[in-house]
Structures are given as structure tokens and as C-alpha cells.
């Protein structure tokens, strides 16, 4: 009997350790529980995000994007991949691409309108349109956002180096990161960082929107973009 009572706590401890270390604590991060190993070195990364405040609310545009996107996490927006007449899902539903246009709404950037116009004028550049534009869904497809950001946003490094200040300084709040490997995914870089300097991302995947470490995603990064803030009021 004594042996059984010692096995159960051991299993629970191993399970807890597994949860903490699985994909850089992605499970706990997804639940809003952000844990760092206590004895690891913490490095400081300079904040070099834009000082542009296009909506004159006293907050940098980059942080406005982050704060608006974070509402998805606070509301635990359900991951629902559906087709909607008019294009926009209900406020309590969405996918990864919805985090992007919703975040940009924080600085009055209408991504749907801009993408719909660009698709109409450059239809051959958008692989998921297949020659037949559909404003109800085109702006919510990752490959289409990729095609748009590659041409209209500042293109930045896709290399991520923990503890490398020069590299990590290039990853700033409000940036957009995109994946096109085994699964198509897109997210917004948060203003939160792990101890090793790598940023968190705000994204939506099953079951709901969450904030996790960028390094928790094993897919290769194919795109890293920044809005051209200086052009917003030009």
C-alpha cells in the first residue's frame, strides 16, 4: 500500500514538470499562467518601437496595436474558422488572422479595405484568391496577408536568437510574425518578453486567443513585418 501512495505523487510531479517544460510552457501560457525558471538569467532588451501616435491618445501606435489585440486574450475569443457574410466574424469568434486586423483597428488601420483594394488591383499576386476575389474571406487568409505585408509593410528579420540583444531588439511590440509551414499562422508581437529576451505573441488558435512565447512555436518563421508608421498621416 505504501508503494502505491508514493507512485501517485511522483506521477503528479512528473505531469506538472511536463506541463511546465512542454514547448516552453505553452500550455500554461495559453491559460494566462506565465512561469519562468527562477535561476535563469534575465536580459533587458531596449524598447525601440515607434513614438508615432497617429490617433493622439497619448500611447504609441505600436502599443495601441498590442493593447487592442490583447483584448482578444482577455475575452478568450473562441477559435472558430467560419465564412461570414460581410467578412467580419462576431466579436466572440475568430481565427489567427482576425487578431491582426482587430489589433490594427486600434490605430484606425482598416486592413480589410486596404487588402480588398490591393487584391482587386493585383489579383495574380494573391495565391488564395484563385482569380476570384471574395471580400467575405480574402483578407482573413494567412497566405493573402503574407502577400500584402511583403509588399506594403517593412520586412524585418525572421531569425530569432535568445539572449542576443542585437537580434532581439529587432523584435518590437506591434510587429507581425507569420508562419506558412505545416500550418498557416500569424500573430502580433507582444510587449511582454521571456527572461531570455524572446518576445511573447498574441494569437488565436484552438481553443481560444492567448499570449505565448514566440519560441514555443516550432514552425519556421517566414515573415516578420512592421507597419510603416511614419506614413499613416502622410
C-alpha atoms as a PDB file:
ATOM      1  CA  UNK A   1       0.000   0.000   0.000  1.00  0.00           C
ATOM      2  CA  UNK A   2       2.837   2.370   0.816  1.00  0.00           C
ATOM      3  CA  UNK A   3       4.293   1.859  -2.645  1.00  0.00           C
ATOM      4  CA  UNK A   4       1.040   2.985  -4.319  1.00  0.00           C
ATOM      5  CA  UNK A   5       0.837   6.137  -2.231  1.00  0.00           C
ATOM      6  CA  UNK A   6       4.345   7.156  -3.321  1.00  0.00           C
ATOM      7  CA  UNK A   7       3.722   6.391  -7.007  1.00  0.00           C
ATOM      8  CA  UNK A   8       0.751   8.743  -7.315  1.00  0.00           C
ATOM      9  CA  UNK A   9       2.562  11.903  -6.079  1.00  0.00           C
ATOM     10  CA  UNK A  10       5.531  11.030  -8.290  1.00  0.00           C
ATOM     11  CA  UNK A  11       3.272  10.780 -11.333  1.00  0.00           C
ATOM     12  CA  UNK A  12       1.640  14.102 -10.473  1.00  0.00           C
ATOM     13  CA  UNK A  13       5.025  15.790 -10.101  1.00  0.00           C
ATOM     14  CA  UNK A  14       6.229  14.393 -13.435  1.00  0.00           C
ATOM     15  CA  UNK A  15       2.993  15.534 -15.058  1.00  0.00           C
ATOM     16  CA  UNK A  16       3.429  19.032 -13.659  1.00  0.00           C
ATOM     17  CA  UNK A  17       7.045  19.191 -14.832  1.00  0.00           C
ATOM     18  CA  UNK A  18       5.951  18.014 -18.270  1.00  0.00           C
ATOM     19  CA  UNK A  19       3.329  20.760 -18.482  1.00  0.00           C
ATOM     20  CA  UNK A  20       5.869  23.417 -17.470  1.00  0.00           C
ATOM     21  CA  UNK A  21       8.520  22.337 -19.959  1.00  0.00           C
ATOM     22  CA  UNK A  22       6.322  21.232 -22.894  1.00  0.00           C
ATOM     23  CA  UNK A  23       7.045  23.588 -25.777  1.00  0.00           C
ATOM     24  CA  UNK A  24       8.427  26.255 -23.473  1.00  0.00           C
ATOM     25  CA  UNK A  25       5.385  26.161 -21.137  1.00  0.00           C
ATOM     26  CA  UNK A  26       2.918  26.783 -23.970  1.00  0.00           C
ATOM     27  CA  UNK A  27       0.063  25.141 -22.058  1.00  0.00           C
ATOM     28  CA  UNK A  28       0.404  27.381 -19.014  1.00  0.00           C
ATOM     29  CA  UNK A  29       0.970  30.473 -21.148  1.00  0.00           C
ATOM     30  CA  UNK A  30      -2.223  29.700 -23.075  1.00  0.00           C
ATOM     31  CA  UNK A  31      -4.094  29.654 -19.774  1.00  0.00           C
ATOM     32  CA  UNK A  32      -2.613  33.004 -18.767  1.00  0.00           C
ATOM     33  CA  UNK A  33      -0.141  31.476 -16.316  1.00  0.00           C
ATOM     34  CA  UNK A  34       3.300  32.810 -17.215  1.00  0.00           C
ATOM     35  CA  UNK A  35       6.103  30.972 -15.425  1.00  0.00           C
ATOM     36  CA  UNK A  36       9.848  31.482 -15.768  1.00  0.00           C
ATOM     37  CA  UNK A  37      12.538  29.251 -14.287  1.00  0.00           C
ATOM     38  CA  UNK A  38      13.741  31.063 -11.134  1.00  0.00           C
ATOM     39  CA  UNK A  39      17.504  30.774 -11.628  1.00  0.00           C
ATOM     40  CA  UNK A  40      17.769  31.675 -15.305  1.00  0.00           C
ATOM     41  CA  UNK A  41      19.405  34.931 -16.337  1.00  0.00           C
ATOM     42  CA  UNK A  42      17.147  37.796 -17.370  1.00  0.00           C
ATOM     43  CA  UNK A  43      18.325  40.201 -20.035  1.00  0.00           C
ATOM     44  CA  UNK A  44      16.937  43.625 -20.876  1.00  0.00           C
ATOM     45  CA  UNK A  45      16.057  44.462 -24.464  1.00  0.00           C
ATOM     46  CA  UNK A  46      15.812  48.151 -25.447  1.00  0.00           C
ATOM     47  CA  UNK A  47      12.377  49.425 -26.421  1.00  0.00           C
ATOM     48  CA  UNK A  48      12.844  50.926 -29.860  1.00  0.00           C
ATOM     49  CA  UNK A  49       9.265  50.826 -31.069  1.00  0.00           C
ATOM     50  CA  UNK A  50       7.754  53.847 -32.773  1.00  0.00           C
ATOM     51  CA  UNK A  51       6.880  57.040 -30.917  1.00  0.00           C
ATOM     52  CA  UNK A  52       4.271  57.852 -33.574  1.00  0.00           C
ATOM     53  CA  UNK A  53       0.834  58.438 -32.028  1.00  0.00           C
ATOM     54  CA  UNK A  54      -1.432  58.823 -35.036  1.00  0.00           C
ATOM     55  CA  UNK A  55      -4.689  58.807 -33.067  1.00  0.00           C
ATOM     56  CA  UNK A  56      -3.342  61.287 -30.473  1.00  0.00           C
ATOM     57  CA  UNK A  57      -4.365  59.238 -27.435  1.00  0.00           C
ATOM     58  CA  UNK A  58      -1.018  59.565 -25.669  1.00  0.00           C
ATOM     59  CA  UNK A  59       0.013  55.994 -26.442  1.00  0.00           C
ATOM     60  CA  UNK A  60       2.472  54.852 -29.104  1.00  0.00           C
ATOM     61  CA  UNK A  61       0.796  53.290 -32.134  1.00  0.00           C
ATOM     62  CA  UNK A  62       2.804  50.111 -31.595  1.00  0.00           C
ATOM     63  CA  UNK A  63       1.449  49.721 -28.075  1.00  0.00           C
ATOM     64  CA  UNK A  64      -2.061  50.637 -29.214  1.00  0.00           C
ATOM     65  CA  UNK A  65      -1.904  47.640 -31.563  1.00  0.00           C
ATOM     66  CA  UNK A  66      -0.730  45.376 -28.740  1.00  0.00           C
ATOM     67  CA  UNK A  67      -3.322  46.601 -26.239  1.00  0.00           C
ATOM     68  CA  UNK A  68      -6.149  46.223 -28.749  1.00  0.00           C
ATOM     69  CA  UNK A  69      -5.012  42.742 -29.754  1.00  0.00           C
ATOM     70  CA  UNK A  70      -4.702  41.741 -26.096  1.00  0.00           C
ATOM     71  CA  UNK A  71      -8.449  42.291 -25.689  1.00  0.00           C
ATOM     72  CA  UNK A  72      -8.782  39.038 -27.662  1.00  0.00           C
ATOM     73  CA  UNK A  73      -6.811  37.267 -24.941  1.00  0.00           C
ATOM     74  CA  UNK A  74      -8.718  38.911 -22.105  1.00  0.00           C
ATOM     75  CA  UNK A  75     -12.023  37.908 -23.719  1.00  0.00           C
ATOM     76  CA  UNK A  76     -10.717  34.436 -24.615  1.00  0.00           C
ATOM     77  CA  UNK A  77     -12.124  34.861 -28.114  1.00  0.00           C
ATOM     78  CA  UNK A  78     -13.171  31.414 -29.314  1.00  0.00           C
ATOM     79  CA  UNK A  79     -11.282  29.917 -32.221  1.00  0.00           C
ATOM     80  CA  UNK A  80     -13.937  29.453 -34.901  1.00  0.00           C
ATOM     81  CA  UNK A  81     -12.988  29.086 -38.555  1.00  0.00           C
ATOM     82  CA  UNK A  82     -16.107  30.055 -40.482  1.00  0.00           C
ATOM     83  CA  UNK A  83     -17.213  32.040 -43.508  1.00  0.00           C
ATOM     84  CA  UNK A  84     -19.140  35.216 -42.701  1.00  0.00           C
ATOM     85  CA  UNK A  85     -21.263  37.383 -44.947  1.00  0.00           C
ATOM     86  CA  UNK A  86     -19.655  40.813 -44.873  1.00  0.00           C
ATOM     87  CA  UNK A  87     -16.330  39.282 -43.882  1.00  0.00           C
ATOM     88  CA  UNK A  88     -16.271  40.053 -40.173  1.00  0.00           C
ATOM     89  CA  UNK A  89     -16.891  37.359 -37.537  1.00  0.00           C
ATOM     90  CA  UNK A  90     -18.816  38.086 -34.312  1.00  0.00           C
ATOM     91  CA  UNK A  91     -16.746  39.722 -31.559  1.00  0.00           C
ATOM     92  CA  UNK A  92     -16.506  36.458 -29.593  1.00  0.00           C
ATOM     93  CA  UNK A  93     -15.234  34.398 -32.549  1.00  0.00           C
ATOM     94  CA  UNK A  94     -12.166  34.483 -34.749  1.00  0.00           C
ATOM     95  CA  UNK A  95      -9.005  32.880 -36.055  1.00  0.00           C
ATOM     96  CA  UNK A  96      -5.375  33.986 -36.101  1.00  0.00           C
ATOM     97  CA  UNK A  97      -5.849  36.481 -38.937  1.00  0.00           C
ATOM     98  CA  UNK A  98      -8.643  38.202 -37.013  1.00  0.00           C
ATOM     99  CA  UNK A  99      -6.172  39.116 -34.271  1.00  0.00           C
ATOM    100  CA  UNK A 100      -4.242  41.096 -36.879  1.00  0.00           C
ATOM    101  CA  UNK A 101      -6.995  43.263 -38.345  1.00  0.00           C
ATOM    102  CA  UNK A 102      -8.529  43.754 -34.903  1.00  0.00           C
ATOM    103  CA  UNK A 103      -5.186  44.852 -33.489  1.00  0.00           C
ATOM    104  CA  UNK A 104      -4.665  47.307 -36.343  1.00  0.00           C
ATOM    105  CA  UNK A 105      -8.124  48.762 -35.693  1.00  0.00           C
ATOM    106  CA  UNK A 106      -6.563  50.137 -32.502  1.00  0.00           C
ATOM    107  CA  UNK A 107      -4.871  52.768 -34.648  1.00  0.00           C
ATOM    108  CA  UNK A 108      -7.717  53.062 -37.167  1.00  0.00           C
ATOM    109  CA  UNK A 109      -5.981  50.991 -39.844  1.00  0.00           C
ATOM    110  CA  UNK A 110      -8.636  49.197 -41.915  1.00  0.00           C
ATOM    111  CA  UNK A 111      -6.764  46.129 -43.149  1.00  0.00           C
ATOM    112  CA  UNK A 112      -9.780  44.648 -44.936  1.00  0.00           C
ATOM    113  CA  UNK A 113     -10.386  47.720 -47.068  1.00  0.00           C
ATOM    114  CA  UNK A 114      -6.696  48.017 -47.943  1.00  0.00           C
ATOM    115  CA  UNK A 115      -6.324  44.346 -48.805  1.00  0.00           C
ATOM    116  CA  UNK A 116      -9.534  44.199 -50.833  1.00  0.00           C
ATOM    117  CA  UNK A 117      -8.321  47.154 -52.907  1.00  0.00           C
ATOM    118  CA  UNK A 118      -4.864  45.655 -53.409  1.00  0.00           C
ATOM    119  CA  UNK A 119      -6.294  42.275 -54.357  1.00  0.00           C
ATOM    120  CA  UNK A 120      -8.550  43.891 -56.958  1.00  0.00           C
ATOM    121  CA  UNK A 121      -5.559  45.707 -58.465  1.00  0.00           C
ATOM    122  CA  UNK A 122      -3.014  42.858 -58.177  1.00  0.00           C
ATOM    123  CA  UNK A 123      -5.069  39.703 -58.225  1.00  0.00           C
ATOM    124  CA  UNK A 124      -2.273  37.488 -59.603  1.00  0.00           C
ATOM    125  CA  UNK A 125      -0.141  38.157 -56.513  1.00  0.00           C
ATOM    126  CA  UNK A 126      -2.646  36.515 -54.167  1.00  0.00           C
ATOM    127  CA  UNK A 127      -2.493  32.691 -54.329  1.00  0.00           C
ATOM    128  CA  UNK A 128      -5.540  32.025 -52.151  1.00  0.00           C
ATOM    129  CA  UNK A 129      -7.780  34.213 -54.299  1.00  0.00           C
ATOM    130  CA  UNK A 130      -7.502  31.905 -57.342  1.00  0.00           C
ATOM    131  CA  UNK A 131      -8.532  34.694 -59.694  1.00  0.00           C
ATOM    132  CA  UNK A 132     -11.912  35.132 -57.985  1.00  0.00           C
ATOM    133  CA  UNK A 133     -11.868  37.842 -55.293  1.00  0.00           C
ATOM    134  CA  UNK A 134     -14.184  37.296 -52.358  1.00  0.00           C
ATOM    135  CA  UNK A 135     -14.175  40.206 -49.877  1.00  0.00           C
ATOM    136  CA  UNK A 136     -16.030  37.975 -47.396  1.00  0.00           C
ATOM    137  CA  UNK A 137     -12.914  35.873 -46.756  1.00  0.00           C
ATOM    138  CA  UNK A 138      -9.815  37.004 -48.704  1.00  0.00           C
ATOM    139  CA  UNK A 139      -8.430  39.327 -46.015  1.00  0.00           C
ATOM    140  CA  UNK A 140      -8.707  36.538 -43.403  1.00  0.00           C
ATOM    141  CA  UNK A 141      -6.443  34.060 -45.185  1.00  0.00           C
ATOM    142  CA  UNK A 142      -2.824  33.814 -43.986  1.00  0.00           C
ATOM    143  CA  UNK A 143      -1.225  33.489 -47.469  1.00  0.00           C
ATOM    144  CA  UNK A 144      -3.087  36.604 -48.583  1.00  0.00           C
ATOM    145  CA  UNK A 145      -1.918  38.578 -45.549  1.00  0.00           C
ATOM    146  CA  UNK A 146       1.594  37.332 -46.339  1.00  0.00           C
ATOM    147  CA  UNK A 147       1.356  38.638 -49.919  1.00  0.00           C
ATOM    148  CA  UNK A 148       0.081  42.000 -48.674  1.00  0.00           C
ATOM    149  CA  UNK A 149       2.611  42.519 -45.859  1.00  0.00           C
ATOM    150  CA  UNK A 150       5.547  41.517 -48.067  1.00  0.00           C
ATOM    151  CA  UNK A 151       4.754  44.409 -50.377  1.00  0.00           C
ATOM    152  CA  UNK A 152       3.359  47.098 -48.099  1.00  0.00           C
ATOM    153  CA  UNK A 153       4.971  46.688 -44.664  1.00  0.00           C
ATOM    154  CA  UNK A 154       8.566  46.939 -43.534  1.00  0.00           C
ATOM    155  CA  UNK A 155      10.153  43.499 -43.919  1.00  0.00           C
ATOM    156  CA  UNK A 156      12.342  42.516 -40.958  1.00  0.00           C
ATOM    157  CA  UNK A 157      14.488  39.621 -39.780  1.00  0.00           C
ATOM    158  CA  UNK A 158      12.928  36.177 -39.401  1.00  0.00           C
ATOM    159  CA  UNK A 159      15.825  34.970 -37.245  1.00  0.00           C
ATOM    160  CA  UNK A 160      15.199  34.700 -33.512  1.00  0.00           C
ATOM    161  CA  UNK A 161      18.199  34.379 -31.164  1.00  0.00           C
ATOM    162  CA  UNK A 162      17.555  34.065 -27.419  1.00  0.00           C
ATOM    163  CA  UNK A 163      19.921  36.184 -25.260  1.00  0.00           C
ATOM    164  CA  UNK A 164      21.176  38.069 -28.338  1.00  0.00           C
ATOM    165  CA  UNK A 165      20.354  41.718 -27.614  1.00  0.00           C
ATOM    166  CA  UNK A 166      21.144  42.957 -31.129  1.00  0.00           C
ATOM    167  CA  UNK A 167      18.864  40.353 -32.671  1.00  0.00           C
ATOM    168  CA  UNK A 168      16.048  40.640 -30.140  1.00  0.00           C
ATOM    169  CA  UNK A 169      15.999  44.424 -30.363  1.00  0.00           C
ATOM    170  CA  UNK A 170      14.673  43.935 -33.895  1.00  0.00           C
ATOM    171  CA  UNK A 171      11.575  42.241 -32.457  1.00  0.00           C
ATOM    172  CA  UNK A 172       9.367  45.010 -31.096  1.00  0.00           C
ATOM    173  CA  UNK A 173       5.755  45.294 -29.876  1.00  0.00           C
ATOM    174  CA  UNK A 174       3.169  45.650 -32.625  1.00  0.00           C
ATOM    175  CA  UNK A 175       5.238  43.734 -35.185  1.00  0.00           C
ATOM    176  CA  UNK A 176       3.551  40.923 -37.090  1.00  0.00           C
ATOM    177  CA  UNK A 177       5.025  37.431 -37.381  1.00  0.00           C
ATOM    178  CA  UNK A 178       3.845  34.870 -39.915  1.00  0.00           C
ATOM    179  CA  UNK A 179       4.246  31.122 -40.494  1.00  0.00           C
ATOM    180  CA  UNK A 180       3.486  29.149 -43.664  1.00  0.00           C
ATOM    181  CA  UNK A 181       4.917  25.720 -42.883  1.00  0.00           C
ATOM    182  CA  UNK A 182       2.994  22.742 -41.552  1.00  0.00           C
ATOM    183  CA  UNK A 183       0.208  25.098 -40.551  1.00  0.00           C
ATOM    184  CA  UNK A 184      -0.590  28.639 -41.632  1.00  0.00           C
ATOM    185  CA  UNK A 185      -0.459  31.060 -38.728  1.00  0.00           C
ATOM    186  CA  UNK A 186       0.002  34.747 -37.952  1.00  0.00           C
ATOM    187  CA  UNK A 187       0.368  36.714 -34.698  1.00  0.00           C
ATOM    188  CA  UNK A 188       1.219  40.087 -33.191  1.00  0.00           C
ATOM    189  CA  UNK A 189       4.397  40.597 -31.169  1.00  0.00           C
ATOM    190  CA  UNK A 190       3.555  41.482 -27.566  1.00  0.00           C
ATOM    191  CA  UNK A 191       5.261  43.955 -25.227  1.00  0.00           C
ATOM    192  CA  UNK A 192       5.971  41.044 -22.866  1.00  0.00           C
ATOM    193  CA  UNK A 193       9.292  39.184 -23.031  1.00  0.00           C
ATOM    194  CA  UNK A 194      10.679  35.983 -21.553  1.00  0.00           C
ATOM    195  CA  UNK A 195      13.823  36.100 -19.419  1.00  0.00           C
ATOM    196  CA  UNK A 196      15.932  35.164 -22.446  1.00  0.00           C
ATOM    197  CA  UNK A 197      14.639  38.257 -24.244  1.00  0.00           C
ATOM    198  CA  UNK A 198      12.406  36.465 -26.737  1.00  0.00           C
ATOM    199  CA  UNK A 199       9.043  38.163 -27.157  1.00  0.00           C
ATOM    200  CA  UNK A 200       5.616  36.767 -26.490  1.00  0.00           C
ATOM    201  CA  UNK A 201       2.992  36.762 -29.227  1.00  0.00           C
ATOM    202  CA  UNK A 202      -0.732  37.433 -29.158  1.00  0.00           C
ATOM    203  CA  UNK A 203      -2.533  34.925 -31.345  1.00  0.00           C
ATOM    204  CA  UNK A 204      -5.599  32.758 -31.696  1.00  0.00           C
ATOM    205  CA  UNK A 205      -5.547  29.024 -32.148  1.00  0.00           C
ATOM    206  CA  UNK A 206      -7.686  26.304 -30.623  1.00  0.00           C
ATOM    207  CA  UNK A 207      -9.365  26.650 -28.230  1.00  0.00           C
ATOM    208  CA  UNK A 208      -9.095  30.442 -27.804  1.00  0.00           C
ATOM    209  CA  UNK A 209      -6.903  33.536 -28.124  1.00  0.00           C
ATOM    210  CA  UNK A 210      -3.846  33.566 -25.865  1.00  0.00           C
ATOM    211  CA  UNK A 211      -0.427  35.089 -25.251  1.00  0.00           C
ATOM    212  CA  UNK A 212       2.528  32.702 -25.519  1.00  0.00           C
ATOM    213  CA  UNK A 213       6.276  32.808 -26.106  1.00  0.00           C
ATOM    214  CA  UNK A 214       7.222  33.150 -29.762  1.00  0.00           C
ATOM    215  CA  UNK A 215       9.824  30.433 -29.195  1.00  0.00           C
ATOM    216  CA  UNK A 216       7.022  27.984 -28.287  1.00  0.00           C
ATOM    217  CA  UNK A 217       6.108  27.668 -31.959  1.00  0.00           C
ATOM    218  CA  UNK A 218       8.416  25.248 -33.716  1.00  0.00           C
ATOM    219  CA  UNK A 219       7.350  26.181 -37.258  1.00  0.00           C
ATOM    220  CA  UNK A 220       9.891  28.235 -39.242  1.00  0.00           C
ATOM    221  CA  UNK A 221       9.126  31.951 -39.321  1.00  0.00           C
ATOM    222  CA  UNK A 222       8.624  33.088 -42.914  1.00  0.00           C
ATOM    223  CA  UNK A 223       7.641  36.689 -42.307  1.00  0.00           C
ATOM    224  CA  UNK A 224       8.269  39.467 -39.785  1.00  0.00           C
ATOM    225  CA  UNK A 225       6.679  42.819 -40.560  1.00  0.00           C
ATOM    226  CA  UNK A 226       6.218  46.300 -39.182  1.00  0.00           C
ATOM    227  CA  UNK A 227       3.682  48.877 -40.198  1.00  0.00           C
ATOM    228  CA  UNK A 228       5.238  51.964 -41.803  1.00  0.00           C
ATOM    229  CA  UNK A 229       4.036  54.233 -39.018  1.00  0.00           C
ATOM    230  CA  UNK A 230       5.533  57.411 -40.460  1.00  0.00           C
ATOM    231  CA  UNK A 231       3.257  57.058 -43.484  1.00  0.00           C
ATOM    232  CA  UNK A 232      -0.005  56.889 -41.512  1.00  0.00           C
ATOM    233  CA  UNK A 233      -0.638  60.620 -41.566  1.00  0.00           C
ATOM    234  CA  UNK A 234       1.106  61.361 -44.858  1.00  0.00           C
END
